[in-house]
């Protein structure tokens, strides 16, 4: 029963690490710079937020499968496939949680007073220095919020994960998938236990974030 929990935590952790790095960088670039096709790429980033999970999973299957563009390259270089592995679950969790991180960070960066950046440039600060010394610190609450939302979203991912990782007990069976198949087989005890764990854990995380944000605003 506890194996799906460990797999889910592993998938959520690694996907959230990538979501954090890529989400913050994308939000900074799309907030501060103008370039051709900006609206198109931004739409592509946030698309998984509105697509049915099964559609997102199918698109990933076509992309990272053995016959997919990335899948062929990975198989050619490493002689292996991502499909039906916990790494595929990480990819799906990353794709569906990235929009949450992106939107949260974008809102945080957009709310930074441009005066700080102009003053830093006047003093000779580079874009890299402005990002690390001004952007990230001032947007930190938004980044943390995005991080928590992305982690909980990755933890609860079901549809896309089932499409690309399948249901392999001990390897790719995450909590949501375990719950689904437990209910399907009539094992309500396992389903109830896993549901309770997920609900309690998610509530504690979100509640903790709200308390932290409240204290942050007071200071």
N, C-alpha and C. Protein backbone atom coordinates (compact mmCIF):
# COMPACT_ATOMS: atom_id res chain seq x y z
N UNK A 1 0.81 -1.21 0.00
CA UNK A 1 0.00 0.00 0.00
C UNK A 1 0.85 1.27 0.00
N UNK A 2 2.00 1.21 0.66
CA UNK A 2 2.81 2.41 0.81
C UNK A 2 3.76 2.64 -0.38
N UNK A 3 3.91 1.64 -1.24
CA UNK A 3 4.76 1.81 -2.42
C UNK A 3 4.27 2.92 -3.34
N UNK A 4 2.96 3.01 -3.64
CA UNK A 4 2.48 4.12 -4.47
C UNK A 4 2.77 5.49 -3.86
N UNK A 5 2.77 5.57 -2.53
CA UNK A 5 3.07 6.83 -1.86
C UNK A 5 4.51 7.25 -2.13
N UNK A 6 5.43 6.29 -1.98
CA UNK A 6 6.84 6.57 -2.22
C UNK A 6 7.10 6.95 -3.68
N UNK A 7 6.44 6.23 -4.59
CA UNK A 7 6.60 6.54 -6.02
C UNK A 7 6.05 7.93 -6.33
N UNK A 8 4.90 8.25 -5.76
CA UNK A 8 4.29 9.57 -5.99
C UNK A 8 5.17 10.69 -5.47
N UNK A 9 5.74 10.49 -4.29
CA UNK A 9 6.62 11.50 -3.70
C UNK A 9 7.88 11.69 -4.55
N UNK A 10 8.41 10.56 -5.05
CA UNK A 10 9.60 10.65 -5.91
C UNK A 10 9.29 11.38 -7.21
N UNK A 11 8.18 11.03 -7.82
CA UNK A 11 7.78 11.67 -9.08
C UNK A 11 7.51 13.16 -8.85
N UNK A 12 6.77 13.47 -7.79
CA UNK A 12 6.44 14.87 -7.49
C UNK A 12 7.69 15.68 -7.18
N UNK A 13 8.62 15.10 -6.45
CA UNK A 13 9.84 15.83 -6.09
C UNK A 13 10.67 16.18 -7.32
N UNK A 14 10.99 15.18 -8.14
CA UNK A 14 11.85 15.44 -9.29
C UNK A 14 11.17 16.32 -10.33
N UNK A 15 9.87 16.11 -10.55
CA UNK A 15 9.17 16.96 -11.52
C UNK A 15 9.10 18.40 -11.04
N UNK A 16 8.93 18.58 -9.73
CA UNK A 16 8.85 19.93 -9.17
C UNK A 16 10.18 20.66 -9.23
N UNK A 17 11.27 19.93 -9.11
CA UNK A 17 12.59 20.55 -9.25
C UNK A 17 12.74 21.17 -10.65
N UNK A 18 12.37 20.40 -11.67
CA UNK A 18 12.44 20.90 -13.04
C UNK A 18 11.42 22.02 -13.27
N UNK A 19 10.23 21.85 -12.69
CA UNK A 19 9.20 22.87 -12.82
C UNK A 19 9.63 24.19 -12.21
N UNK A 20 10.29 24.12 -11.06
CA UNK A 20 10.78 25.32 -10.38
C UNK A 20 11.78 26.07 -11.25
N UNK A 21 12.80 25.37 -11.71
CA UNK A 21 13.87 26.01 -12.49
C UNK A 21 13.32 26.57 -13.80
N UNK A 22 12.64 25.73 -14.56
CA UNK A 22 12.16 26.15 -15.88
C UNK A 22 11.02 27.17 -15.77
N UNK A 23 10.13 26.96 -14.80
CA UNK A 23 9.00 27.87 -14.62
C UNK A 23 9.45 29.28 -14.26
N UNK A 24 10.41 29.39 -13.34
CA UNK A 24 10.91 30.70 -12.94
C UNK A 24 11.60 31.41 -14.10
N UNK A 25 12.45 30.68 -14.82
CA UNK A 25 13.17 31.28 -15.95
C UNK A 25 12.22 31.71 -17.06
N UNK A 26 11.25 30.86 -17.38
CA UNK A 26 10.28 31.22 -18.42
C UNK A 26 9.46 32.43 -18.01
N UNK A 27 9.03 32.46 -16.76
CA UNK A 27 8.23 33.59 -16.28
C UNK A 27 9.02 34.89 -16.36
N UNK A 28 10.30 34.83 -16.02
CA UNK A 28 11.15 36.03 -16.07
C UNK A 28 11.32 36.52 -17.51
N UNK A 29 11.61 35.59 -18.41
CA UNK A 29 11.82 35.94 -19.82
C UNK A 29 10.55 36.51 -20.44
N UNK A 30 9.40 35.85 -20.19
CA UNK A 30 8.16 36.30 -20.80
C UNK A 30 7.63 37.59 -20.16
N UNK A 31 8.06 37.88 -18.96
CA UNK A 31 7.64 39.11 -18.29
C UNK A 31 8.48 40.31 -18.72
N UNK A 32 9.77 40.09 -18.91
CA UNK A 32 10.70 41.20 -19.13
C UNK A 32 11.07 41.45 -20.59
N UNK A 33 10.80 40.51 -21.47
CA UNK A 33 11.26 40.67 -22.86
C UNK A 33 10.11 40.52 -23.85
N UNK A 34 10.26 41.17 -24.98
CA UNK A 34 9.33 41.04 -26.09
C UNK A 34 10.05 40.36 -27.25
N UNK A 35 9.39 39.40 -27.89
CA UNK A 35 10.00 38.71 -29.02
C UNK A 35 8.91 38.13 -29.90
N UNK A 36 9.29 37.78 -31.12
CA UNK A 36 8.33 37.26 -32.09
C UNK A 36 7.78 35.91 -31.61
N UNK A 37 6.48 35.76 -31.68
CA UNK A 37 5.85 34.50 -31.31
C UNK A 37 5.64 34.33 -29.82
N UNK A 38 5.78 35.41 -29.07
CA UNK A 38 5.67 35.35 -27.61
C UNK A 38 4.31 34.79 -27.18
N UNK A 39 3.23 35.30 -27.77
CA UNK A 39 1.89 34.86 -27.39
C UNK A 39 1.68 33.38 -27.71
N UNK A 40 2.24 32.94 -28.83
CA UNK A 40 2.10 31.52 -29.23
C UNK A 40 2.76 30.61 -28.21
N UNK A 41 4.01 30.93 -27.85
CA UNK A 41 4.75 30.07 -26.91
C UNK A 41 4.15 30.12 -25.51
N UNK A 42 3.64 31.28 -25.14
CA UNK A 42 3.00 31.40 -23.83
C UNK A 42 1.72 30.56 -23.79
N UNK A 43 1.00 30.58 -24.90
CA UNK A 43 -0.20 29.75 -24.99
C UNK A 43 0.13 28.27 -24.91
N UNK A 44 1.24 27.89 -25.52
CA UNK A 44 1.67 26.49 -25.51
C UNK A 44 2.05 26.04 -24.10
N UNK A 45 2.69 26.93 -23.35
CA UNK A 45 3.10 26.62 -21.98
C UNK A 45 1.89 26.37 -21.08
N UNK A 46 0.87 27.22 -21.24
CA UNK A 46 -0.30 27.14 -20.36
C UNK A 46 -1.40 26.21 -20.88
N UNK A 47 -1.24 25.69 -22.08
CA UNK A 47 -2.26 24.83 -22.69
C UNK A 47 -2.65 23.63 -21.83
N UNK A 48 -1.69 22.92 -21.21
CA UNK A 48 -2.08 21.75 -20.39
C UNK A 48 -3.02 22.09 -19.24
N UNK A 49 -3.10 23.37 -18.86
CA UNK A 49 -3.98 23.78 -17.78
C UNK A 49 -5.46 23.61 -18.16
N UNK A 50 -5.76 23.74 -19.45
CA UNK A 50 -7.15 23.68 -19.91
C UNK A 50 -7.48 22.42 -20.71
N UNK A 51 -6.46 21.69 -21.13
CA UNK A 51 -6.71 20.47 -21.89
C UNK A 51 -7.12 19.32 -20.96
N UNK A 52 -7.98 18.42 -21.44
CA UNK A 52 -8.27 17.21 -20.66
C UNK A 52 -6.98 16.42 -20.45
N UNK A 53 -6.76 15.87 -19.25
CA UNK A 53 -5.51 15.13 -18.98
C UNK A 53 -5.23 14.01 -19.99
N UNK A 54 -6.29 13.36 -20.48
CA UNK A 54 -6.09 12.28 -21.44
C UNK A 54 -5.52 12.81 -22.75
N UNK A 55 -5.91 14.02 -23.14
CA UNK A 55 -5.39 14.63 -24.36
C UNK A 55 -3.92 14.99 -24.18
N UNK A 56 -3.59 15.54 -23.01
CA UNK A 56 -2.20 15.85 -22.70
C UNK A 56 -1.37 14.58 -22.70
N UNK A 57 -1.91 13.52 -22.10
CA UNK A 57 -1.20 12.24 -22.06
C UNK A 57 -0.98 11.66 -23.44
N UNK A 58 -1.99 11.79 -24.30
CA UNK A 58 -1.86 11.28 -25.68
C UNK A 58 -0.79 12.05 -26.44
N UNK A 59 -0.78 13.38 -26.26
CA UNK A 59 0.23 14.21 -26.93
C UNK A 59 1.64 13.83 -26.45
N UNK A 60 1.77 13.57 -25.16
CA UNK A 60 3.07 13.15 -24.62
C UNK A 60 3.46 11.78 -25.17
N UNK A 61 2.47 10.91 -25.29
CA UNK A 61 2.73 9.57 -25.82
C UNK A 61 3.26 9.64 -27.24
N UNK A 62 2.70 10.56 -28.02
CA UNK A 62 3.15 10.74 -29.40
C UNK A 62 4.54 11.39 -29.47
N UNK A 63 4.89 12.13 -28.41
CA UNK A 63 6.15 12.87 -28.42
C UNK A 63 7.31 12.07 -27.82
N UNK A 64 7.05 11.37 -26.70
CA UNK A 64 8.15 10.65 -26.03
C UNK A 64 8.08 9.14 -26.22
N UNK A 65 7.08 8.68 -26.99
CA UNK A 65 7.01 7.25 -27.29
C UNK A 65 8.14 6.82 -28.21
N UNK A 66 8.28 5.54 -28.43
CA UNK A 66 9.38 5.03 -29.26
C UNK A 66 9.38 5.61 -30.67
N UNK A 67 8.20 5.93 -31.17
CA UNK A 67 8.09 6.49 -32.52
C UNK A 67 7.96 8.01 -32.51
N UNK A 68 8.00 8.60 -31.32
CA UNK A 68 7.89 10.05 -31.20
C UNK A 68 9.21 10.74 -31.47
N UNK A 69 9.15 12.04 -31.67
CA UNK A 69 10.34 12.84 -31.98
C UNK A 69 11.40 12.70 -30.89
N UNK A 70 11.03 12.97 -29.65
CA UNK A 70 11.98 12.86 -28.55
C UNK A 70 12.25 11.41 -28.19
N UNK A 71 11.21 10.58 -28.29
CA UNK A 71 11.36 9.17 -27.97
C UNK A 71 12.39 8.47 -28.84
N UNK A 72 12.38 8.77 -30.13
CA UNK A 72 13.35 8.19 -31.06
C UNK A 72 14.77 8.61 -30.70
N UNK A 73 14.92 9.90 -30.37
CA UNK A 73 16.24 10.42 -30.03
C UNK A 73 16.78 9.76 -28.76
N UNK A 74 15.93 9.63 -27.75
CA UNK A 74 16.35 8.99 -26.49
C UNK A 74 16.72 7.53 -26.72
N UNK A 75 15.92 6.84 -27.52
CA UNK A 75 16.20 5.42 -27.78
C UNK A 75 17.49 5.26 -28.57
N UNK A 76 17.74 6.20 -29.49
CA UNK A 76 18.96 6.14 -30.30
C UNK A 76 20.20 6.41 -29.46
N UNK A 77 20.10 7.34 -28.52
CA UNK A 77 21.24 7.72 -27.70
C UNK A 77 21.49 6.76 -26.54
N UNK A 78 20.41 6.31 -25.91
CA UNK A 78 20.55 5.51 -24.69
C UNK A 78 20.04 4.08 -24.80
N UNK A 79 19.40 3.75 -25.90
CA UNK A 79 18.92 2.39 -26.10
C UNK A 79 17.79 2.01 -25.16
N UNK A 80 17.04 2.99 -24.70
CA UNK A 80 15.93 2.74 -23.79
C UNK A 80 14.79 3.68 -24.10
N UNK A 81 13.65 3.43 -23.49
CA UNK A 81 12.47 4.25 -23.72
C UNK A 81 11.93 4.79 -22.40
N UNK A 82 11.38 5.99 -22.45
CA UNK A 82 10.78 6.59 -21.25
C UNK A 82 9.43 6.00 -20.92
N UNK A 83 8.73 5.52 -21.94
CA UNK A 83 7.36 5.05 -21.76
C UNK A 83 7.31 3.89 -20.76
N UNK A 84 6.30 3.94 -19.88
CA UNK A 84 6.06 2.94 -18.85
C UNK A 84 7.21 2.84 -17.85
N UNK A 85 7.76 4.00 -17.51
CA UNK A 85 8.76 4.10 -16.44
C UNK A 85 8.33 5.25 -15.53
N UNK A 86 8.94 5.31 -14.34
CA UNK A 86 8.60 6.41 -13.43
C UNK A 86 9.08 7.76 -13.98
N UNK A 87 10.07 7.69 -14.88
CA UNK A 87 10.54 8.93 -15.52
C UNK A 87 9.46 9.52 -16.42
N UNK A 88 8.68 8.66 -17.07
CA UNK A 88 7.56 9.14 -17.89
C UNK A 88 6.52 9.81 -17.01
N UNK A 89 6.33 9.27 -15.82
CA UNK A 89 5.41 9.89 -14.86
C UNK A 89 5.91 11.27 -14.46
N UNK A 90 7.22 11.41 -14.33
CA UNK A 90 7.82 12.72 -14.02
C UNK A 90 7.55 13.72 -15.14
N UNK A 91 7.69 13.25 -16.38
CA UNK A 91 7.47 14.13 -17.53
C UNK A 91 6.03 14.62 -17.55
N UNK A 92 5.08 13.70 -17.35
CA UNK A 92 3.68 14.10 -17.36
C UNK A 92 3.36 15.04 -16.21
N UNK A 93 3.91 14.77 -15.03
CA UNK A 93 3.70 15.64 -13.86
C UNK A 93 4.28 17.02 -14.12
N UNK A 94 5.44 17.07 -14.75
CA UNK A 94 6.08 18.34 -15.09
C UNK A 94 5.22 19.16 -16.04
N UNK A 95 4.72 18.52 -17.07
CA UNK A 95 3.95 19.22 -18.10
C UNK A 95 2.66 19.81 -17.53
N UNK A 96 1.97 19.05 -16.69
CA UNK A 96 0.68 19.55 -16.17
C UNK A 96 0.85 20.55 -15.03
N UNK A 97 2.00 20.52 -14.35
CA UNK A 97 2.20 21.44 -13.23
C UNK A 97 2.96 22.72 -13.62
N UNK A 98 3.64 22.69 -14.76
CA UNK A 98 4.39 23.86 -15.21
C UNK A 98 3.52 25.12 -15.35
N UNK A 99 2.29 25.02 -15.91
CA UNK A 99 1.47 26.22 -16.03
C UNK A 99 1.20 26.91 -14.69
N UNK A 100 1.04 26.12 -13.63
CA UNK A 100 0.78 26.70 -12.30
C UNK A 100 2.00 27.49 -11.81
N UNK A 101 3.17 26.90 -11.98
CA UNK A 101 4.40 27.59 -11.59
C UNK A 101 4.61 28.83 -12.43
N UNK A 102 4.40 28.69 -13.72
CA UNK A 102 4.60 29.81 -14.64
C UNK A 102 3.69 30.99 -14.31
N UNK A 103 2.40 30.71 -14.13
CA UNK A 103 1.44 31.78 -13.87
C UNK A 103 1.71 32.46 -12.54
N UNK A 104 2.06 31.67 -11.52
CA UNK A 104 2.35 32.24 -10.20
C UNK A 104 3.59 33.13 -10.24
N UNK A 105 4.64 32.66 -10.89
CA UNK A 105 5.88 33.43 -10.99
C UNK A 105 5.72 34.65 -11.88
N UNK A 106 4.96 34.51 -12.95
CA UNK A 106 4.74 35.63 -13.85
C UNK A 106 4.01 36.77 -13.12
N UNK A 107 2.99 36.40 -12.34
CA UNK A 107 2.26 37.41 -11.57
C UNK A 107 3.19 38.10 -10.57
N UNK A 108 4.06 37.31 -9.94
CA UNK A 108 4.98 37.87 -8.95
C UNK A 108 5.99 38.81 -9.60
N UNK A 109 6.54 38.41 -10.73
CA UNK A 109 7.51 39.27 -11.43
C UNK A 109 6.85 40.54 -11.98
N UNK A 110 5.61 40.40 -12.42
CA UNK A 110 4.89 41.55 -12.99
C UNK A 110 4.60 42.62 -11.94
N UNK A 111 4.49 42.20 -10.69
CA UNK A 111 4.17 43.13 -9.61
C UNK A 111 5.39 43.85 -9.03
N UNK A 112 6.58 43.49 -9.53
CA UNK A 112 7.79 44.16 -9.05
C UNK A 112 7.86 45.57 -9.64
N UNK A 113 8.05 46.55 -8.80
CA UNK A 113 8.15 47.95 -9.26
C UNK A 113 9.37 48.10 -10.15
N UNK A 114 9.14 48.60 -11.36
CA UNK A 114 10.21 48.75 -12.35
C UNK A 114 11.29 49.72 -11.87
N UNK A 115 10.97 50.55 -10.88
CA UNK A 115 11.93 51.53 -10.36
C UNK A 115 13.18 50.83 -9.82
N UNK A 116 12.98 49.70 -9.16
CA UNK A 116 14.12 48.96 -8.59
C UNK A 116 15.07 48.50 -9.69
N UNK A 117 14.52 48.02 -10.78
CA UNK A 117 15.34 47.53 -11.88
C UNK A 117 16.06 48.68 -12.58
N UNK A 118 15.37 49.78 -12.77
CA UNK A 118 15.99 50.94 -13.40
C UNK A 118 17.14 51.48 -12.55
N UNK A 119 16.93 51.50 -11.25
CA UNK A 119 17.98 51.98 -10.34
C UNK A 119 19.19 51.06 -10.39
N UNK A 120 18.94 49.76 -10.45
CA UNK A 120 20.03 48.79 -10.51
C UNK A 120 20.82 48.94 -11.81
N UNK A 121 20.11 49.16 -12.93
CA UNK A 121 20.79 49.34 -14.22
C UNK A 121 21.62 50.62 -14.23
N UNK A 122 21.08 51.63 -13.58
CA UNK A 122 21.81 52.90 -13.49
C UNK A 122 23.13 52.72 -12.74
N UNK A 123 23.12 51.81 -11.76
CA UNK A 123 24.32 51.54 -10.97
C UNK A 123 25.24 50.51 -11.64
N UNK A 124 24.85 50.09 -12.84
CA UNK A 124 25.71 49.18 -13.60
C UNK A 124 25.43 47.71 -13.41
N UNK A 125 24.30 47.34 -12.82
CA UNK A 125 23.97 45.93 -12.60
C UNK A 125 23.62 45.24 -13.92
N UNK A 126 24.09 44.02 -14.08
CA UNK A 126 23.78 43.24 -15.28
C UNK A 126 22.41 42.58 -15.12
N UNK A 127 21.90 42.02 -16.22
CA UNK A 127 20.60 41.34 -16.18
C UNK A 127 20.64 40.16 -15.21
N UNK A 128 21.78 39.48 -15.16
CA UNK A 128 21.93 38.35 -14.25
C UNK A 128 21.84 38.80 -12.79
N UNK A 129 22.49 39.89 -12.48
CA UNK A 129 22.47 40.43 -11.11
C UNK A 129 21.06 40.91 -10.75
N UNK A 130 20.39 41.56 -11.69
CA UNK A 130 19.03 42.04 -11.45
C UNK A 130 18.09 40.87 -11.17
N UNK A 131 18.26 39.80 -11.93
CA UNK A 131 17.42 38.61 -11.74
C UNK A 131 17.60 38.01 -10.35
N UNK A 132 18.86 37.80 -9.94
CA UNK A 132 19.14 37.13 -8.68
C UNK A 132 19.00 38.03 -7.46
N UNK A 133 19.35 39.32 -7.60
CA UNK A 133 19.36 40.21 -6.45
C UNK A 133 18.06 41.00 -6.26
N UNK A 134 17.30 41.15 -7.35
CA UNK A 134 16.07 41.92 -7.27
C UNK A 134 14.84 41.07 -7.60
N UNK A 135 14.88 40.44 -8.78
CA UNK A 135 13.73 39.68 -9.25
C UNK A 135 13.33 38.54 -8.32
N UNK A 136 14.26 37.63 -8.08
CA UNK A 136 13.95 36.46 -7.25
C UNK A 136 13.57 36.82 -5.81
N UNK A 137 14.33 37.68 -5.12
CA UNK A 137 13.94 38.03 -3.74
C UNK A 137 12.56 38.68 -3.62
N UNK A 138 12.25 39.61 -4.54
CA UNK A 138 10.97 40.30 -4.46
C UNK A 138 9.81 39.42 -4.89
N UNK A 139 10.09 38.45 -5.75
CA UNK A 139 9.03 37.55 -6.23
C UNK A 139 8.98 36.26 -5.42
N UNK A 140 9.79 36.18 -4.36
CA UNK A 140 9.93 34.93 -3.61
C UNK A 140 8.60 34.34 -3.10
N UNK A 141 7.70 35.15 -2.53
CA UNK A 141 6.41 34.58 -2.09
C UNK A 141 5.63 33.92 -3.23
N UNK A 142 5.64 34.57 -4.39
CA UNK A 142 4.95 34.00 -5.55
C UNK A 142 5.61 32.72 -6.03
N UNK A 143 6.94 32.69 -5.97
CA UNK A 143 7.67 31.49 -6.38
C UNK A 143 7.35 30.33 -5.44
N UNK A 144 7.31 30.60 -4.14
CA UNK A 144 6.99 29.56 -3.16
C UNK A 144 5.57 29.05 -3.37
N UNK A 145 4.64 29.96 -3.62
CA UNK A 145 3.25 29.57 -3.88
C UNK A 145 3.17 28.66 -5.10
N UNK A 146 3.88 29.04 -6.17
CA UNK A 146 3.91 28.22 -7.37
C UNK A 146 4.54 26.87 -7.12
N UNK A 147 5.57 26.86 -6.28
CA UNK A 147 6.26 25.62 -5.95
C UNK A 147 5.32 24.64 -5.23
N UNK A 148 4.59 25.15 -4.26
CA UNK A 148 3.66 24.30 -3.49
C UNK A 148 2.52 23.80 -4.37
N UNK A 149 1.95 24.69 -5.18
CA UNK A 149 0.86 24.30 -6.06
C UNK A 149 1.32 23.27 -7.09
N UNK A 150 2.54 23.46 -7.60
CA UNK A 150 3.09 22.52 -8.59
C UNK A 150 3.32 21.15 -7.97
N UNK A 151 3.84 21.14 -6.74
CA UNK A 151 4.11 19.87 -6.07
C UNK A 151 2.82 19.10 -5.81
N UNK A 152 1.81 19.79 -5.29
CA UNK A 152 0.55 19.11 -5.01
C UNK A 152 -0.15 18.67 -6.30
N UNK A 153 0.00 19.47 -7.36
CA UNK A 153 -0.58 19.08 -8.66
C UNK A 153 0.12 17.85 -9.20
N UNK A 154 1.43 17.81 -9.09
CA UNK A 154 2.20 16.65 -9.55
C UNK A 154 1.85 15.41 -8.74
N UNK A 155 1.62 15.60 -7.46
CA UNK A 155 1.27 14.48 -6.57
C UNK A 155 -0.07 13.88 -6.95
N UNK A 156 -0.98 14.72 -7.45
CA UNK A 156 -2.32 14.23 -7.77
C UNK A 156 -2.55 13.94 -9.24
N UNK A 157 -1.52 14.02 -10.06
CA UNK A 157 -1.67 13.79 -11.50
C UNK A 157 -2.11 12.34 -11.78
N UNK A 158 -3.10 12.21 -12.66
CA UNK A 158 -3.65 10.87 -12.96
C UNK A 158 -3.71 10.57 -14.47
N UNK A 159 -4.53 11.35 -15.18
CA UNK A 159 -4.82 11.02 -16.58
C UNK A 159 -3.62 10.91 -17.49
N UNK A 160 -2.79 11.94 -17.53
CA UNK A 160 -1.62 11.94 -18.41
C UNK A 160 -0.62 10.88 -17.97
N UNK A 161 -0.48 10.69 -16.66
CA UNK A 161 0.45 9.68 -16.13
C UNK A 161 0.05 8.28 -16.54
N UNK A 162 -1.25 7.99 -16.47
CA UNK A 162 -1.74 6.66 -16.85
C UNK A 162 -1.46 6.38 -18.31
N UNK A 163 -1.52 7.42 -19.15
CA UNK A 163 -1.29 7.25 -20.59
C UNK A 163 0.15 6.92 -20.91
N UNK A 164 1.09 7.56 -20.24
CA UNK A 164 2.50 7.40 -20.60
C UNK A 164 3.28 6.46 -19.67
N UNK A 165 2.79 6.28 -18.44
CA UNK A 165 3.53 5.44 -17.49
C UNK A 165 2.80 4.14 -17.17
N UNK A 166 1.49 4.11 -17.40
CA UNK A 166 0.73 2.90 -17.14
C UNK A 166 0.53 2.62 -15.66
N UNK A 167 0.10 1.40 -15.38
CA UNK A 167 -0.15 1.00 -13.99
C UNK A 167 0.68 -0.25 -13.68
N UNK A 168 1.94 -0.03 -13.35
CA UNK A 168 2.84 -1.13 -13.02
C UNK A 168 3.14 -1.06 -11.53
N UNK A 169 2.53 -1.93 -10.72
CA UNK A 169 2.75 -1.90 -9.27
C UNK A 169 4.23 -1.96 -8.92
N UNK A 170 4.65 -1.07 -8.05
CA UNK A 170 6.04 -1.05 -7.61
C UNK A 170 6.96 -0.27 -8.52
N UNK A 171 6.46 0.16 -9.69
CA UNK A 171 7.30 0.89 -10.64
C UNK A 171 6.67 2.22 -11.08
N UNK A 172 5.43 2.19 -11.54
CA UNK A 172 4.81 3.41 -12.04
C UNK A 172 3.46 3.70 -11.39
N UNK A 173 3.05 2.85 -10.47
CA UNK A 173 1.73 3.03 -9.84
C UNK A 173 1.78 4.12 -8.77
N UNK A 174 1.29 5.30 -9.14
CA UNK A 174 1.25 6.42 -8.20
C UNK A 174 -0.03 6.35 -7.36
N UNK A 175 -0.18 7.26 -6.42
CA UNK A 175 -1.34 7.24 -5.54
C UNK A 175 -2.66 7.34 -6.30
N UNK A 176 -2.83 8.34 -7.19
CA UNK A 176 -4.11 8.44 -7.91
C UNK A 176 -4.44 7.19 -8.71
N UNK A 177 -3.43 6.60 -9.35
CA UNK A 177 -3.66 5.39 -10.14
C UNK A 177 -4.01 4.22 -9.23
N UNK A 178 -3.33 4.12 -8.09
CA UNK A 178 -3.62 3.06 -7.13
C UNK A 178 -5.04 3.18 -6.59
N UNK A 179 -5.49 4.41 -6.34
CA UNK A 179 -6.85 4.64 -5.86
C UNK A 179 -7.87 4.19 -6.90
N UNK A 180 -7.62 4.58 -8.15
CA UNK A 180 -8.55 4.22 -9.23
C UNK A 180 -8.71 2.71 -9.36
N UNK A 181 -7.60 2.00 -9.39
CA UNK A 181 -7.67 0.56 -9.59
C UNK A 181 -8.12 -0.18 -8.32
N UNK A 182 -7.90 0.44 -7.16
CA UNK A 182 -8.40 -0.15 -5.92
C UNK A 182 -9.94 -0.09 -5.90
N UNK A 183 -10.48 1.06 -6.30
CA UNK A 183 -11.94 1.21 -6.38
C UNK A 183 -12.50 0.28 -7.45
N UNK A 184 -11.80 0.19 -8.57
CA UNK A 184 -12.25 -0.66 -9.67
C UNK A 184 -12.32 -2.13 -9.27
N UNK A 185 -11.41 -2.55 -8.39
CA UNK A 185 -11.37 -3.96 -7.95
C UNK A 185 -12.17 -4.19 -6.66
N UNK A 186 -12.76 -3.12 -6.12
CA UNK A 186 -13.57 -3.26 -4.91
C UNK A 186 -12.78 -3.22 -3.62
N UNK A 187 -11.51 -2.87 -3.70
CA UNK A 187 -10.67 -2.78 -2.49
C UNK A 187 -10.84 -1.41 -1.86
N UNK A 188 -11.95 -1.21 -1.20
CA UNK A 188 -12.28 0.10 -0.66
C UNK A 188 -11.39 0.49 0.52
N UNK A 189 -10.88 -0.49 1.24
CA UNK A 189 -10.01 -0.20 2.38
C UNK A 189 -8.75 0.52 1.91
N UNK A 190 -8.12 -0.03 0.87
CA UNK A 190 -6.93 0.61 0.32
C UNK A 190 -7.25 1.98 -0.26
N UNK A 191 -8.36 2.05 -1.00
CA UNK A 191 -8.76 3.33 -1.60
C UNK A 191 -9.01 4.39 -0.54
N UNK A 192 -9.73 4.03 0.50
CA UNK A 192 -10.05 4.98 1.56
C UNK A 192 -8.79 5.46 2.28
N UNK A 193 -7.85 4.53 2.51
CA UNK A 193 -6.60 4.88 3.19
C UNK A 193 -5.78 5.86 2.37
N UNK A 194 -5.63 5.57 1.09
CA UNK A 194 -4.83 6.43 0.21
C UNK A 194 -5.49 7.80 0.02
N UNK A 195 -6.82 7.80 -0.12
CA UNK A 195 -7.54 9.07 -0.27
C UNK A 195 -7.35 9.93 0.97
N UNK A 196 -7.45 9.32 2.13
CA UNK A 196 -7.28 10.05 3.39
C UNK A 196 -5.87 10.65 3.48
N UNK A 197 -4.87 9.85 3.12
CA UNK A 197 -3.48 10.32 3.17
C UNK A 197 -3.28 11.52 2.25
N UNK A 198 -3.78 11.42 1.02
CA UNK A 198 -3.61 12.51 0.05
C UNK A 198 -4.34 13.77 0.50
N UNK A 199 -5.57 13.62 0.95
CA UNK A 199 -6.36 14.78 1.37
C UNK A 199 -5.70 15.48 2.56
N UNK A 200 -5.29 14.71 3.56
CA UNK A 200 -4.68 15.28 4.76
C UNK A 200 -3.36 15.97 4.41
N UNK A 201 -2.53 15.29 3.62
CA UNK A 201 -1.23 15.85 3.24
C UNK A 201 -1.41 17.14 2.44
N UNK A 202 -2.30 17.12 1.45
CA UNK A 202 -2.52 18.29 0.60
C UNK A 202 -3.07 19.45 1.42
N UNK A 203 -3.98 19.14 2.35
CA UNK A 203 -4.54 20.20 3.19
C UNK A 203 -3.47 20.83 4.07
N UNK A 204 -2.61 20.00 4.66
CA UNK A 204 -1.54 20.52 5.51
C UNK A 204 -0.61 21.43 4.72
N UNK A 205 -0.27 21.01 3.50
CA UNK A 205 0.63 21.80 2.66
C UNK A 205 0.01 23.15 2.30
N UNK A 206 -1.25 23.12 1.83
CA UNK A 206 -1.93 24.36 1.44
C UNK A 206 -2.18 25.25 2.65
N UNK A 207 -2.57 24.65 3.77
CA UNK A 207 -2.81 25.41 5.00
C UNK A 207 -1.52 26.08 5.47
N UNK A 208 -0.44 25.32 5.42
CA UNK A 208 0.87 25.87 5.80
C UNK A 208 1.28 27.03 4.91
N UNK A 209 0.99 26.91 3.61
CA UNK A 209 1.30 27.99 2.67
C UNK A 209 0.50 29.24 2.99
N UNK A 210 -0.78 29.07 3.30
CA UNK A 210 -1.63 30.22 3.64
C UNK A 210 -1.15 30.93 4.91
N UNK A 211 -0.76 30.15 5.90
CA UNK A 211 -0.24 30.72 7.14
C UNK A 211 1.06 31.48 6.88
N UNK A 212 1.92 30.89 6.07
CA UNK A 212 3.20 31.51 5.73
C UNK A 212 2.99 32.83 4.98
N UNK A 213 2.06 32.83 4.02
CA UNK A 213 1.77 34.04 3.26
C UNK A 213 1.19 35.13 4.16
N UNK A 214 0.37 34.73 5.11
CA UNK A 214 -0.24 35.68 6.03
C UNK A 214 0.83 36.35 6.90
N UNK A 215 1.76 35.53 7.41
CA UNK A 215 2.85 36.06 8.23
C UNK A 215 3.78 36.94 7.39
N UNK A 216 3.98 36.54 6.13
CA UNK A 216 4.87 37.30 5.24
C UNK A 216 4.31 38.69 4.99
N UNK A 217 3.00 38.79 4.81
CA UNK A 217 2.36 40.08 4.55
C UNK A 217 2.47 41.01 5.75
N UNK A 218 2.45 40.45 6.95
CA UNK A 218 2.53 41.26 8.16
C UNK A 218 3.91 41.90 8.31
N UNK A 219 4.92 41.23 7.76
CA UNK A 219 6.27 41.74 7.85
C UNK A 219 6.65 42.56 6.62
